[in-house]
Amino acid sequence: MKANEKRLKATKSFLKFDSDKDFDDIYNDFDSRIQKMISPVTETKEQLIERIRNEKYEGLGFPLGYPVFLTSDGRRVRSKSEMVIGDVLENSNVLNQYEKPLDLGRYGKVYPDYTI
């Protein structure tokens, strides 16, 4: 019983350690030279955002003569509604991709207006 109580106390102490910080915060607190020596199991939020922002994909494209609607950041979309949605997402700092292909396996490929 005493051994289990010690283990429980040690576990509770461990769980309290840096409990207000998530792994990204702990990683970001390290000097950049130390960060280069660490191979995180998962991407940090910043790395994920950077990867998504730089990800290349091919949307549906636009037929010749199709009306041109541009969001404030210069992306071409299909309608005024999509233009407004795109601007709201950007102004709210919501990471998004326009008409990024989504493969639904046997149901085929779809192109959602926005992936957030």
C-alpha atoms as a PDB file:
ATOM      1  CA  MET A   1       0.000   0.000   0.000  1.00  0.00           C
ATOM      2  CA  LYS A   2       2.819   2.406   0.895  1.00  0.00           C
ATOM      3  CA  ALA A   3       4.601   1.710  -2.397  1.00  0.00           C
ATOM      4  CA  ASN A   4       1.414   2.459  -4.340  1.00  0.00           C
ATOM      5  CA  GLU A   5       0.895   5.686  -2.383  1.00  0.00           C
ATOM      6  CA  LYS A   6       4.460   6.746  -3.305  1.00  0.00           C
ATOM      7  CA  ARG A   7       3.817   5.952  -6.958  1.00  0.00           C
ATOM      8  CA  LEU A   8       0.547   7.887  -6.888  1.00  0.00           C
ATOM      9  CA  LYS A   9       2.266  10.894  -5.295  1.00  0.00           C
ATOM     10  CA  ALA A  10       5.068  10.754  -7.891  1.00  0.00           C
ATOM     11  CA  THR A  11       2.539  10.479 -10.736  1.00  0.00           C
ATOM     12  CA  LYS A  12       0.537  13.452  -9.465  1.00  0.00           C
ATOM     13  CA  SER A  13       3.744  15.466  -9.110  1.00  0.00           C
ATOM     14  CA  PHE A  14       4.776  14.553 -12.665  1.00  0.00           C
ATOM     15  CA  LEU A  15       1.376  15.508 -14.092  1.00  0.00           C
ATOM     16  CA  LYS A  16       1.563  18.930 -12.413  1.00  0.00           C
ATOM     17  CA  PHE A  17       4.974  19.659 -13.977  1.00  0.00           C
ATOM     18  CA  ASP A  18       4.509  22.446 -16.550  1.00  0.00           C
ATOM     19  CA  SER A  19       0.805  21.589 -16.781  1.00  0.00           C
ATOM     20  CA  ASP A  20      -0.024  25.104 -18.016  1.00  0.00           C
ATOM     21  CA  LYS A  21       2.379  24.690 -20.935  1.00  0.00           C
ATOM     22  CA  ASP A  22       1.753  22.500 -23.921  1.00  0.00           C
ATOM     23  CA  PHE A  23       4.598  20.772 -25.763  1.00  0.00           C
ATOM     24  CA  ASP A  24       4.838  23.583 -28.331  1.00  0.00           C
ATOM     25  CA  ASP A  25       5.475  26.140 -25.591  1.00  0.00           C
ATOM     26  CA  ILE A  26       8.168  23.985 -24.016  1.00  0.00           C
ATOM     27  CA  TYR A  27       9.821  23.408 -27.419  1.00  0.00           C
ATOM     28  CA  ASN A  28       9.633  27.118 -28.297  1.00  0.00           C
ATOM     29  CA  ASP A  29      11.288  28.053 -24.983  1.00  0.00           C
ATOM     30  CA  PHE A  30      14.455  26.235 -26.058  1.00  0.00           C
ATOM     31  CA  ASP A  31      17.255  28.126 -27.778  1.00  0.00           C
ATOM     32  CA  SER A  32      17.119  27.701 -31.586  1.00  0.00           C
ATOM     33  CA  ARG A  33      20.400  25.715 -31.492  1.00  0.00           C
ATOM     34  CA  ILE A  34      18.812  23.205 -29.128  1.00  0.00           C
ATOM     35  CA  GLN A  35      15.614  23.076 -31.232  1.00  0.00           C
ATOM     36  CA  LYS A  36      17.720  21.958 -34.219  1.00  0.00           C
ATOM     37  CA  MET A  37      18.949  18.962 -32.193  1.00  0.00           C
ATOM     38  CA  ILE A  38      15.436  17.870 -31.247  1.00  0.00           C
ATOM     39  CA  SER A  39      13.281  15.747 -33.543  1.00  0.00           C
ATOM     40  CA  PRO A  40       9.725  16.285 -32.288  1.00  0.00           C
ATOM     41  CA  VAL A  41       7.343  13.360 -32.715  1.00  0.00           C
ATOM     42  CA  THR A  42       4.737  15.747 -34.075  1.00  0.00           C
ATOM     43  CA  GLU A  43       4.906  19.124 -35.733  1.00  0.00           C
ATOM     44  CA  THR A  44       4.590  22.217 -33.608  1.00  0.00           C
ATOM     45  CA  LYS A  45       1.610  24.456 -34.355  1.00  0.00           C
ATOM     46  CA  GLU A  46       3.922  26.906 -36.099  1.00  0.00           C
ATOM     47  CA  GLN A  47       5.413  24.140 -38.274  1.00  0.00           C
ATOM     48  CA  LEU A  48       1.937  22.852 -39.153  1.00  0.00           C
ATOM     49  CA  ILE A  49       0.736  26.345 -40.097  1.00  0.00           C
ATOM     50  CA  GLU A  50       3.836  26.947 -42.219  1.00  0.00           C
ATOM     51  CA  ARG A  51       3.433  23.573 -43.986  1.00  0.00           C
ATOM     52  CA  ILE A  52      -0.247  24.228 -44.744  1.00  0.00           C
ATOM     53  CA  ARG A  53       0.435  27.789 -45.951  1.00  0.00           C
ATOM     54  CA  ASN A  54       3.111  26.524 -48.353  1.00  0.00           C
ATOM     55  CA  GLU A  55       1.263  23.387 -49.465  1.00  0.00           C
ATOM     56  CA  LYS A  56       0.744  23.230 -53.222  1.00  0.00           C
ATOM     57  CA  TYR A  57      -2.439  21.720 -54.623  1.00  0.00           C
ATOM     58  CA  GLU A  58      -4.562  22.076 -57.721  1.00  0.00           C
ATOM     59  CA  GLY A  59      -8.143  23.270 -57.291  1.00  0.00           C
ATOM     60  CA  LEU A  60     -10.890  23.009 -59.895  1.00  0.00           C
ATOM     61  CA  GLY A  61      -9.692  25.924 -61.996  1.00  0.00           C
ATOM     62  CA  PHE A  62     -11.914  28.388 -63.797  1.00  0.00           C
ATOM     63  CA  PRO A  63     -13.385  28.097 -67.303  1.00  0.00           C
ATOM     64  CA  LEU A  64     -12.498  30.825 -69.777  1.00  0.00           C
ATOM     65  CA  GLY A  65     -14.815  33.817 -69.387  1.00  0.00           C
ATOM     66  CA  TYR A  66     -15.862  32.878 -65.840  1.00  0.00           C
ATOM     67  CA  PRO A  67     -16.518  35.991 -63.671  1.00  0.00           C
ATOM     68  CA  VAL A  68     -13.533  37.110 -61.592  1.00  0.00           C
ATOM     69  CA  PHE A  69     -14.008  37.563 -57.839  1.00  0.00           C
ATOM     70  CA  LEU A  70     -10.891  38.202 -55.740  1.00  0.00           C
ATOM     71  CA  THR A  71     -10.532  38.073 -51.969  1.00  0.00           C
ATOM     72  CA  SER A  72      -8.573  40.842 -50.237  1.00  0.00           C
ATOM     73  CA  ASP A  73      -5.476  38.623 -50.258  1.00  0.00           C
ATOM     74  CA  GLY A  74      -5.781  38.100 -54.035  1.00  0.00           C
ATOM     75  CA  ARG A  75      -7.273  34.608 -54.224  1.00  0.00           C
ATOM     76  CA  ARG A  76      -9.741  33.989 -57.005  1.00  0.00           C
ATOM     77  CA  VAL A  77     -13.063  32.492 -55.908  1.00  0.00           C
ATOM     78  CA  ARG A  78     -16.333  31.632 -57.652  1.00  0.00           C
ATOM     79  CA  SER A  79     -18.818  34.067 -56.097  1.00  0.00           C
ATOM     80  CA  LYS A  80     -19.291  37.207 -54.026  1.00  0.00           C
ATOM     81  CA  SER A  81     -20.381  35.015 -51.104  1.00  0.00           C
ATOM     82  CA  GLU A  82     -17.152  33.016 -51.263  1.00  0.00           C
ATOM     83  CA  MET A  83     -15.237  36.302 -51.494  1.00  0.00           C
ATOM     84  CA  VAL A  84     -16.875  37.539 -48.272  1.00  0.00           C
ATOM     85  CA  ILE A  85     -16.262  34.212 -46.515  1.00  0.00           C
ATOM     86  CA  GLY A  86     -12.614  34.221 -47.598  1.00  0.00           C
ATOM     87  CA  ASP A  87     -12.118  37.770 -46.333  1.00  0.00           C
ATOM     88  CA  VAL A  88     -13.751  36.992 -42.979  1.00  0.00           C
ATOM     89  CA  LEU A  89     -11.554  33.902 -42.544  1.00  0.00           C
ATOM     90  CA  GLU A  90      -8.380  35.834 -43.394  1.00  0.00           C
ATOM     91  CA  ASN A  91      -9.294  38.834 -41.214  1.00  0.00           C
ATOM     92  CA  SER A  92     -10.021  36.428 -38.345  1.00  0.00           C
ATOM     93  CA  ASN A  93      -6.632  34.711 -38.836  1.00  0.00           C
ATOM     94  CA  VAL A  94      -8.316  31.389 -39.594  1.00  0.00           C
ATOM     95  CA  LEU A  95      -5.949  29.263 -41.653  1.00  0.00           C
ATOM     96  CA  ASN A  96      -7.869  28.146 -44.740  1.00  0.00           C
ATOM     97  CA  GLN A  97      -7.439  26.639 -48.181  1.00  0.00           C
ATOM     98  CA  TYR A  98      -9.760  27.288 -51.098  1.00  0.00           C
ATOM     99  CA  GLU A  99     -11.015  24.307 -53.119  1.00  0.00           C
ATOM    100  CA  LYS A 100      -8.336  21.971 -51.794  1.00  0.00           C
ATOM    101  CA  PRO A 101      -9.100  18.496 -53.188  1.00  0.00           C
ATOM    102  CA  LEU A 102     -10.427  15.982 -50.690  1.00  0.00           C
ATOM    103  CA  ASP A 103     -10.329  12.329 -51.723  1.00  0.00           C
ATOM    104  CA  LEU A 104     -13.325  10.452 -50.319  1.00  0.00           C
ATOM    105  CA  GLY A 105     -12.118   7.065 -51.534  1.00  0.00           C
ATOM    106  CA  ARG A 106     -14.836   5.157 -53.350  1.00  0.00           C
ATOM    107  CA  TYR A 107     -17.016   8.291 -53.368  1.00  0.00           C
ATOM    108  CA  GLY A 108     -14.493  10.183 -55.451  1.00  0.00           C
ATOM    109  CA  LYS A 109     -12.778  13.519 -55.120  1.00  0.00           C
ATOM    110  CA  VAL A 110     -14.569  16.652 -53.938  1.00  0.00           C
ATOM    111  CA  TYR A 111     -13.473  20.288 -53.786  1.00  0.00           C
ATOM    112  CA  PRO A 112     -14.912  21.973 -50.669  1.00  0.00           C
ATOM    113  CA  ASP A 113     -15.166  25.755 -50.959  1.00  0.00           C
ATOM    114  CA  TYR A 114     -12.949  26.182 -47.894  1.00  0.00           C
ATOM    115  CA  THR A 115     -10.941  23.782 -45.781  1.00  0.00           C
ATOM    116  CA  ILE A 116     -10.138  25.291 -42.390  1.00  0.00           C
END
